[in-house]
């Protein structure tokens, strides 16, 4: 079972800067993730929060809840949340950081990820497909 976490403002997908993040809503993205997971033979749990502390708690509890890996789109927390980075580093599950947009081709402050150093990898700029690739990686790693 894989935990998929989406951070701050991802609940606004489809409305917030669609030229950057696309037209797809969070609900549509979650349906797509569930379909991809089914194709891969994976079970997923999908969660979104605008609160850093909630994301940290979910990450800290993931192993005890029986998850084998985590896909995380930390949103803007990517660039400054050392607390989130510490939570990722403090747990043993593989975590893949995903971004819909190419953070390395955006504003200067978005080009640095403080959370990626604790992740097993980062997928950036591939839109929703980034989630599919992260799921595939985590399923392969679990085998």
N, C-alpha and C. Protein backbone atom coordinates (compact mmCIF):
# COMPACT_ATOMS: atom_id res chain seq x y z
N UNK A 1 0.84 -1.17 0.00
CA UNK A 1 0.00 0.00 0.00
C UNK A 1 0.89 1.24 0.00
N UNK A 2 0.53 2.19 -0.85
CA UNK A 2 1.33 3.41 -1.01
C UNK A 2 0.50 4.61 -0.57
N UNK A 3 1.13 5.47 0.19
CA UNK A 3 0.51 6.71 0.65
C UNK A 3 0.87 7.83 -0.32
N UNK A 4 -0.13 8.52 -0.82
CA UNK A 4 0.08 9.65 -1.73
C UNK A 4 -0.39 10.91 -1.01
N UNK A 5 0.56 11.81 -0.77
CA UNK A 5 0.28 13.04 -0.04
C UNK A 5 0.45 14.25 -0.95
N UNK A 6 -0.52 15.14 -0.91
CA UNK A 6 -0.45 16.40 -1.62
C UNK A 6 -0.54 17.53 -0.61
N UNK A 7 0.35 18.49 -0.75
CA UNK A 7 0.46 19.57 0.22
C UNK A 7 -0.35 20.80 -0.10
N UNK A 8 0.08 21.92 0.47
CA UNK A 8 -0.66 23.18 0.40
C UNK A 8 -1.01 23.61 -1.02
N UNK A 9 -2.22 24.05 -1.16
CA UNK A 9 -2.79 24.65 -2.37
C UNK A 9 -3.06 23.66 -3.50
N UNK A 10 -2.71 22.41 -3.31
CA UNK A 10 -3.01 21.44 -4.37
C UNK A 10 -4.50 21.15 -4.45
N UNK A 11 -5.25 21.51 -3.43
CA UNK A 11 -6.70 21.42 -3.50
C UNK A 11 -7.27 22.43 -4.50
N UNK A 12 -6.45 23.38 -4.95
CA UNK A 12 -6.88 24.39 -5.92
C UNK A 12 -6.53 24.03 -7.36
N UNK A 13 -6.03 22.82 -7.58
CA UNK A 13 -5.69 22.42 -8.94
C UNK A 13 -6.89 22.61 -9.86
N UNK A 14 -6.61 23.02 -11.09
CA UNK A 14 -7.65 23.27 -12.07
C UNK A 14 -8.09 24.73 -12.07
N UNK A 15 -7.90 25.40 -10.94
CA UNK A 15 -8.27 26.82 -10.82
C UNK A 15 -7.03 27.70 -10.65
N UNK A 16 -6.03 27.20 -9.94
CA UNK A 16 -4.84 27.99 -9.65
C UNK A 16 -3.82 27.85 -10.78
N UNK A 17 -3.53 28.94 -11.43
CA UNK A 17 -2.51 28.99 -12.48
C UNK A 17 -2.55 27.76 -13.40
N UNK A 18 -3.65 27.56 -14.11
CA UNK A 18 -3.75 26.38 -14.97
C UNK A 18 -2.68 26.34 -16.06
N UNK A 19 -2.12 27.49 -16.45
CA UNK A 19 -1.04 27.50 -17.43
C UNK A 19 0.22 26.83 -16.88
N UNK A 20 0.34 26.73 -15.57
CA UNK A 20 1.49 26.08 -14.94
C UNK A 20 1.13 24.68 -14.46
N UNK A 21 -0.01 24.55 -13.78
CA UNK A 21 -0.38 23.30 -13.12
C UNK A 21 -1.39 22.46 -13.89
N UNK A 22 -1.94 23.00 -14.96
CA UNK A 22 -2.89 22.26 -15.78
C UNK A 22 -4.32 22.50 -15.38
N UNK A 23 -5.23 21.93 -16.17
CA UNK A 23 -6.67 22.10 -15.98
C UNK A 23 -7.27 21.07 -15.02
N UNK A 24 -6.54 20.00 -14.77
CA UNK A 24 -7.06 18.89 -13.99
C UNK A 24 -7.25 19.30 -12.52
N UNK A 25 -8.39 18.95 -11.94
CA UNK A 25 -8.65 19.22 -10.53
C UNK A 25 -7.95 18.15 -9.68
N UNK A 26 -7.85 18.41 -8.38
CA UNK A 26 -7.28 17.41 -7.48
C UNK A 26 -8.10 16.13 -7.51
N UNK A 27 -9.40 16.25 -7.54
CA UNK A 27 -10.26 15.07 -7.58
C UNK A 27 -10.00 14.24 -8.84
N UNK A 28 -9.84 14.90 -9.97
CA UNK A 28 -9.54 14.19 -11.22
C UNK A 28 -8.16 13.56 -11.17
N UNK A 29 -7.19 14.27 -10.60
CA UNK A 29 -5.84 13.72 -10.44
C UNK A 29 -5.88 12.48 -9.55
N UNK A 30 -6.64 12.55 -8.47
CA UNK A 30 -6.72 11.41 -7.56
C UNK A 30 -7.38 10.20 -8.25
N UNK A 31 -8.38 10.44 -9.06
CA UNK A 31 -8.99 9.34 -9.82
C UNK A 31 -7.97 8.71 -10.77
N UNK A 32 -7.16 9.55 -11.40
CA UNK A 32 -6.15 9.06 -12.31
C UNK A 32 -5.09 8.25 -11.55
N UNK A 33 -4.68 8.74 -10.40
CA UNK A 33 -3.69 8.03 -9.59
C UNK A 33 -4.25 6.66 -9.17
N UNK A 34 -5.50 6.62 -8.77
CA UNK A 34 -6.12 5.34 -8.40
C UNK A 34 -6.15 4.37 -9.58
N UNK A 35 -6.42 4.87 -10.77
CA UNK A 35 -6.44 4.02 -11.96
C UNK A 35 -5.03 3.49 -12.26
N UNK A 36 -4.03 4.36 -12.18
CA UNK A 36 -2.65 3.92 -12.40
C UNK A 36 -2.24 2.88 -11.36
N UNK A 37 -2.61 3.12 -10.11
CA UNK A 37 -2.27 2.18 -9.05
C UNK A 37 -2.89 0.81 -9.33
N UNK A 38 -4.14 0.81 -9.77
CA UNK A 38 -4.81 -0.45 -10.10
C UNK A 38 -4.08 -1.18 -11.22
N UNK A 39 -3.64 -0.45 -12.24
CA UNK A 39 -2.88 -1.05 -13.34
C UNK A 39 -1.59 -1.70 -12.83
N UNK A 40 -0.98 -1.08 -11.82
CA UNK A 40 0.28 -1.57 -11.26
C UNK A 40 0.07 -2.62 -10.17
N UNK A 41 -1.18 -2.87 -9.82
CA UNK A 41 -1.47 -3.81 -8.75
C UNK A 41 -1.20 -3.24 -7.37
N UNK A 42 -1.30 -1.94 -7.25
CA UNK A 42 -1.01 -1.27 -5.98
C UNK A 42 -2.30 -0.74 -5.35
N UNK A 43 -2.30 -0.69 -4.05
CA UNK A 43 -3.36 -0.02 -3.32
C UNK A 43 -2.80 1.33 -2.88
N UNK A 44 -3.61 2.36 -3.00
CA UNK A 44 -3.16 3.70 -2.60
C UNK A 44 -4.16 4.32 -1.64
N UNK A 45 -3.62 5.16 -0.79
CA UNK A 45 -4.43 6.04 0.05
C UNK A 45 -4.02 7.45 -0.31
N UNK A 46 -5.00 8.29 -0.61
CA UNK A 46 -4.75 9.65 -1.08
C UNK A 46 -5.17 10.65 0.00
N UNK A 47 -4.25 11.59 0.29
CA UNK A 47 -4.55 12.60 1.30
C UNK A 47 -3.98 13.94 0.85
N UNK A 48 -4.68 15.01 1.22
CA UNK A 48 -4.21 16.37 0.93
C UNK A 48 -4.41 17.22 2.17
N UNK A 49 -3.43 18.07 2.44
CA UNK A 49 -3.56 19.01 3.55
C UNK A 49 -2.84 20.30 3.23
N UNK A 50 -3.41 21.40 3.70
CA UNK A 50 -2.77 22.70 3.60
C UNK A 50 -1.89 22.98 4.81
N UNK A 51 -1.79 22.00 5.71
CA UNK A 51 -1.09 22.20 6.98
C UNK A 51 0.17 21.34 7.08
N UNK A 52 1.28 22.00 7.30
CA UNK A 52 2.57 21.33 7.41
C UNK A 52 2.55 20.24 8.49
N UNK A 53 2.02 20.57 9.65
CA UNK A 53 1.99 19.61 10.75
C UNK A 53 1.21 18.35 10.43
N UNK A 54 0.12 18.48 9.69
CA UNK A 54 -0.67 17.31 9.30
C UNK A 54 0.14 16.41 8.37
N UNK A 55 0.83 17.00 7.41
CA UNK A 55 1.67 16.20 6.51
C UNK A 55 2.76 15.48 7.29
N UNK A 56 3.37 16.18 8.23
CA UNK A 56 4.42 15.57 9.07
C UNK A 56 3.85 14.38 9.84
N UNK A 57 2.69 14.55 10.44
CA UNK A 57 2.09 13.45 11.20
C UNK A 57 1.79 12.26 10.30
N UNK A 58 1.25 12.50 9.11
CA UNK A 58 0.97 11.40 8.20
C UNK A 58 2.25 10.66 7.80
N UNK A 59 3.32 11.39 7.57
CA UNK A 59 4.60 10.77 7.22
C UNK A 59 5.12 9.95 8.39
N UNK A 60 5.05 10.51 9.58
CA UNK A 60 5.54 9.80 10.77
C UNK A 60 4.74 8.53 11.06
N UNK A 61 3.46 8.51 10.73
CA UNK A 61 2.58 7.38 11.02
C UNK A 61 2.52 6.35 9.89
N UNK A 62 3.08 6.67 8.74
CA UNK A 62 2.89 5.85 7.54
C UNK A 62 3.33 4.40 7.73
N UNK A 63 4.48 4.18 8.29
CA UNK A 63 4.96 2.80 8.45
C UNK A 63 4.05 2.01 9.39
N UNK A 64 3.65 2.61 10.49
CA UNK A 64 2.76 1.94 11.44
C UNK A 64 1.39 1.66 10.83
N UNK A 65 0.98 2.45 9.84
CA UNK A 65 -0.29 2.23 9.16
C UNK A 65 -0.18 1.18 8.06
N UNK A 66 1.03 0.64 7.84
CA UNK A 66 1.20 -0.44 6.89
C UNK A 66 1.58 -0.04 5.49
N UNK A 67 1.96 1.21 5.28
CA UNK A 67 2.37 1.65 3.95
C UNK A 67 3.78 1.15 3.63
N UNK A 68 4.03 0.91 2.35
CA UNK A 68 5.36 0.46 1.92
C UNK A 68 6.17 1.58 1.26
N UNK A 69 5.53 2.70 0.97
CA UNK A 69 6.21 3.83 0.36
C UNK A 69 5.29 5.03 0.33
N UNK A 70 5.89 6.19 0.03
CA UNK A 70 5.16 7.45 0.04
C UNK A 70 5.49 8.24 -1.22
N UNK A 71 4.45 8.80 -1.84
CA UNK A 71 4.61 9.79 -2.91
C UNK A 71 4.18 11.11 -2.29
N UNK A 72 5.02 12.11 -2.39
CA UNK A 72 4.74 13.40 -1.76
C UNK A 72 4.93 14.55 -2.73
N UNK A 73 3.88 15.34 -2.89
CA UNK A 73 4.00 16.64 -3.55
C UNK A 73 3.86 17.66 -2.43
N UNK A 74 4.98 18.20 -1.94
CA UNK A 74 4.93 19.10 -0.79
C UNK A 74 4.50 20.52 -1.12
N UNK A 75 4.21 20.81 -2.39
CA UNK A 75 3.84 22.17 -2.75
C UNK A 75 4.94 23.15 -2.35
N UNK A 76 4.55 24.32 -1.91
CA UNK A 76 5.52 25.36 -1.54
C UNK A 76 6.38 24.97 -0.34
N UNK A 77 5.95 24.00 0.46
CA UNK A 77 6.77 23.55 1.59
C UNK A 77 8.11 22.99 1.13
N UNK A 78 8.15 22.58 -0.13
CA UNK A 78 9.38 22.07 -0.75
C UNK A 78 10.57 22.98 -0.50
N UNK A 79 10.31 24.26 -0.54
CA UNK A 79 11.39 25.25 -0.61
C UNK A 79 11.87 25.76 0.73
N UNK A 80 11.13 25.44 1.81
CA UNK A 80 11.56 26.01 3.09
C UNK A 80 11.26 25.15 4.31
N UNK A 81 10.59 24.02 4.16
CA UNK A 81 10.18 23.26 5.34
C UNK A 81 11.24 22.25 5.77
N UNK A 82 12.11 22.70 6.63
CA UNK A 82 13.10 21.80 7.22
C UNK A 82 12.42 20.79 8.15
N UNK A 83 11.29 21.19 8.74
CA UNK A 83 10.54 20.26 9.59
C UNK A 83 10.01 19.09 8.75
N UNK A 84 9.53 19.36 7.57
CA UNK A 84 9.06 18.30 6.68
C UNK A 84 10.23 17.43 6.23
N UNK A 85 11.34 18.05 5.89
CA UNK A 85 12.55 17.30 5.51
C UNK A 85 13.00 16.39 6.65
N UNK A 86 12.96 16.90 7.88
CA UNK A 86 13.35 16.08 9.04
C UNK A 86 12.40 14.89 9.22
N UNK A 87 11.10 15.11 9.00
CA UNK A 87 10.13 14.02 9.12
C UNK A 87 10.40 12.94 8.07
N UNK A 88 10.72 13.36 6.86
CA UNK A 88 11.03 12.40 5.79
C UNK A 88 12.28 11.60 6.16
N UNK A 89 13.31 12.30 6.64
CA UNK A 89 14.57 11.64 6.98
C UNK A 89 14.44 10.72 8.19
N UNK A 90 13.50 11.02 9.09
CA UNK A 90 13.37 10.26 10.33
C UNK A 90 12.61 8.95 10.17
N UNK A 91 12.04 8.73 9.00
CA UNK A 91 11.29 7.49 8.80
C UNK A 91 12.00 6.63 7.77
N UNK A 92 11.66 5.35 7.71
CA UNK A 92 12.43 4.42 6.89
C UNK A 92 11.80 4.08 5.54
N UNK A 93 10.60 4.55 5.27
CA UNK A 93 9.96 4.22 4.00
C UNK A 93 10.56 5.02 2.85
N UNK A 94 10.64 4.42 1.66
CA UNK A 94 11.08 5.21 0.50
C UNK A 94 10.02 6.25 0.16
N UNK A 95 10.47 7.45 -0.10
CA UNK A 95 9.58 8.55 -0.44
C UNK A 95 10.07 9.21 -1.71
N UNK A 96 9.16 9.37 -2.67
CA UNK A 96 9.47 10.05 -3.92
C UNK A 96 8.76 11.39 -3.91
N UNK A 97 9.53 12.44 -4.13
CA UNK A 97 8.97 13.79 -4.22
C UNK A 97 8.53 14.06 -5.65
N UNK A 98 7.31 14.56 -5.80
CA UNK A 98 6.74 14.81 -7.13
C UNK A 98 6.28 16.26 -7.23
N UNK A 99 6.52 16.86 -8.40
CA UNK A 99 6.02 18.20 -8.71
C UNK A 99 5.43 18.19 -10.10
N UNK A 100 4.26 18.78 -10.25
CA UNK A 100 3.61 18.86 -11.55
C UNK A 100 4.41 19.73 -12.51
N UNK A 101 4.89 20.87 -12.02
CA UNK A 101 5.66 21.79 -12.86
C UNK A 101 7.16 21.52 -12.68
N UNK A 102 7.93 22.04 -13.60
CA UNK A 102 9.38 21.92 -13.50
C UNK A 102 9.88 23.02 -12.57
N UNK A 103 10.10 22.66 -11.30
CA UNK A 103 10.50 23.67 -10.32
C UNK A 103 11.85 24.29 -10.66
N UNK A 104 12.65 23.60 -11.43
CA UNK A 104 13.99 24.09 -11.78
C UNK A 104 13.96 25.13 -12.90
N UNK A 105 12.80 25.30 -13.53
CA UNK A 105 12.65 26.27 -14.61
C UNK A 105 11.73 27.42 -14.20
N UNK A 106 11.51 27.54 -12.90
CA UNK A 106 10.58 28.56 -12.41
C UNK A 106 11.33 29.64 -11.63
N UNK A 107 10.60 30.36 -10.81
CA UNK A 107 11.22 31.44 -10.04
C UNK A 107 12.39 30.91 -9.22
N UNK A 108 13.33 31.78 -8.96
CA UNK A 108 14.56 31.39 -8.26
C UNK A 108 14.27 30.65 -6.95
N UNK A 109 13.34 31.16 -6.15
CA UNK A 109 13.07 30.53 -4.85
C UNK A 109 12.50 29.12 -4.98
N UNK A 110 11.88 28.82 -6.13
CA UNK A 110 11.30 27.49 -6.32
C UNK A 110 12.32 26.46 -6.81
N UNK A 111 13.49 26.88 -7.16
CA UNK A 111 14.48 25.97 -7.75
C UNK A 111 15.19 25.11 -6.72
N UNK A 112 15.04 25.43 -5.46
CA UNK A 112 15.71 24.67 -4.41
C UNK A 112 14.68 23.87 -3.63
N UNK A 113 14.96 22.60 -3.45
CA UNK A 113 14.10 21.74 -2.64
C UNK A 113 14.87 21.31 -1.40
N UNK A 114 14.39 21.72 -0.25
CA UNK A 114 15.02 21.28 1.00
C UNK A 114 14.51 19.89 1.39
N UNK A 115 13.40 19.46 0.81
CA UNK A 115 12.85 18.15 1.13
C UNK A 115 13.43 17.03 0.27
N UNK A 116 13.89 17.35 -0.92
CA UNK A 116 14.39 16.31 -1.84
C UNK A 116 15.62 15.59 -1.30
N UNK A 117 16.40 16.24 -0.47
CA UNK A 117 17.61 15.59 0.05
C UNK A 117 17.27 14.38 0.92
N UNK A 118 16.06 14.35 1.47
CA UNK A 118 15.64 13.22 2.30
C UNK A 118 14.85 12.18 1.52
N UNK A 119 14.50 12.50 0.28
CA UNK A 119 13.72 11.59 -0.56
C UNK A 119 14.65 10.65 -1.33
N UNK A 120 14.10 9.53 -1.82
CA UNK A 120 14.91 8.64 -2.65
C UNK A 120 15.03 9.20 -4.06
N UNK A 121 14.14 10.09 -4.43
CA UNK A 121 14.20 10.71 -5.75
C UNK A 121 13.18 11.80 -5.89
N UNK A 122 13.32 12.56 -6.97
CA UNK A 122 12.41 13.66 -7.26
C UNK A 122 12.01 13.60 -8.73
N UNK A 123 10.72 13.78 -8.99
CA UNK A 123 10.20 13.84 -10.34
C UNK A 123 9.55 15.21 -10.48
N UNK A 124 10.03 15.98 -11.45
CA UNK A 124 9.58 17.37 -11.57
C UNK A 124 9.32 17.71 -13.02
N UNK A 125 8.15 18.32 -13.28
CA UNK A 125 7.89 18.86 -14.60
C UNK A 125 7.19 17.94 -15.57
N UNK A 126 6.79 16.76 -15.15
CA UNK A 126 6.14 15.81 -16.05
C UNK A 126 4.63 15.79 -15.89
N UNK A 127 4.10 16.78 -15.17
CA UNK A 127 2.67 16.84 -14.94
C UNK A 127 2.20 15.64 -14.14
N UNK A 128 0.96 15.23 -14.32
CA UNK A 128 0.41 14.10 -13.56
C UNK A 128 1.20 12.80 -13.73
N UNK A 129 1.86 12.63 -14.88
CA UNK A 129 2.63 11.40 -15.11
C UNK A 129 3.70 11.19 -14.04
N UNK A 130 4.15 12.25 -13.41
CA UNK A 130 5.13 12.11 -12.34
C UNK A 130 4.64 11.19 -11.24
N UNK A 131 3.35 11.27 -10.94
CA UNK A 131 2.77 10.40 -9.91
C UNK A 131 2.81 8.94 -10.37
N UNK A 132 2.50 8.71 -11.64
CA UNK A 132 2.51 7.35 -12.17
C UNK A 132 3.92 6.75 -12.08
N UNK A 133 4.91 7.53 -12.47
CA UNK A 133 6.29 7.04 -12.41
C UNK A 133 6.74 6.79 -10.98
N UNK A 134 6.30 7.65 -10.05
CA UNK A 134 6.64 7.46 -8.64
C UNK A 134 6.01 6.18 -8.11
N UNK A 135 4.74 5.94 -8.46
CA UNK A 135 4.08 4.70 -8.05
C UNK A 135 4.80 3.48 -8.60
N UNK A 136 5.15 3.53 -9.88
CA UNK A 136 5.84 2.40 -10.52
C UNK A 136 7.17 2.13 -9.82
N UNK A 137 7.90 3.18 -9.50
CA UNK A 137 9.18 3.01 -8.81
C UNK A 137 8.97 2.35 -7.44
N UNK A 138 8.00 2.86 -6.67
CA UNK A 138 7.77 2.32 -5.33
C UNK A 138 7.29 0.89 -5.37
N UNK A 139 6.49 0.53 -6.37
CA UNK A 139 6.05 -0.85 -6.52
C UNK A 139 7.24 -1.76 -6.85
N UNK A 140 8.11 -1.29 -7.72
CA UNK A 140 9.29 -2.07 -8.07
C UNK A 140 10.19 -2.25 -6.85
N UNK A 141 10.35 -1.19 -6.09
CA UNK A 141 11.20 -1.23 -4.89
C UNK A 141 10.63 -2.19 -3.84
N UNK A 142 9.31 -2.27 -3.75
CA UNK A 142 8.66 -3.14 -2.76
C UNK A 142 8.81 -4.62 -3.10
N UNK A 143 9.08 -4.93 -4.37
CA UNK A 143 9.19 -6.34 -4.79
C UNK A 143 10.46 -6.98 -4.34
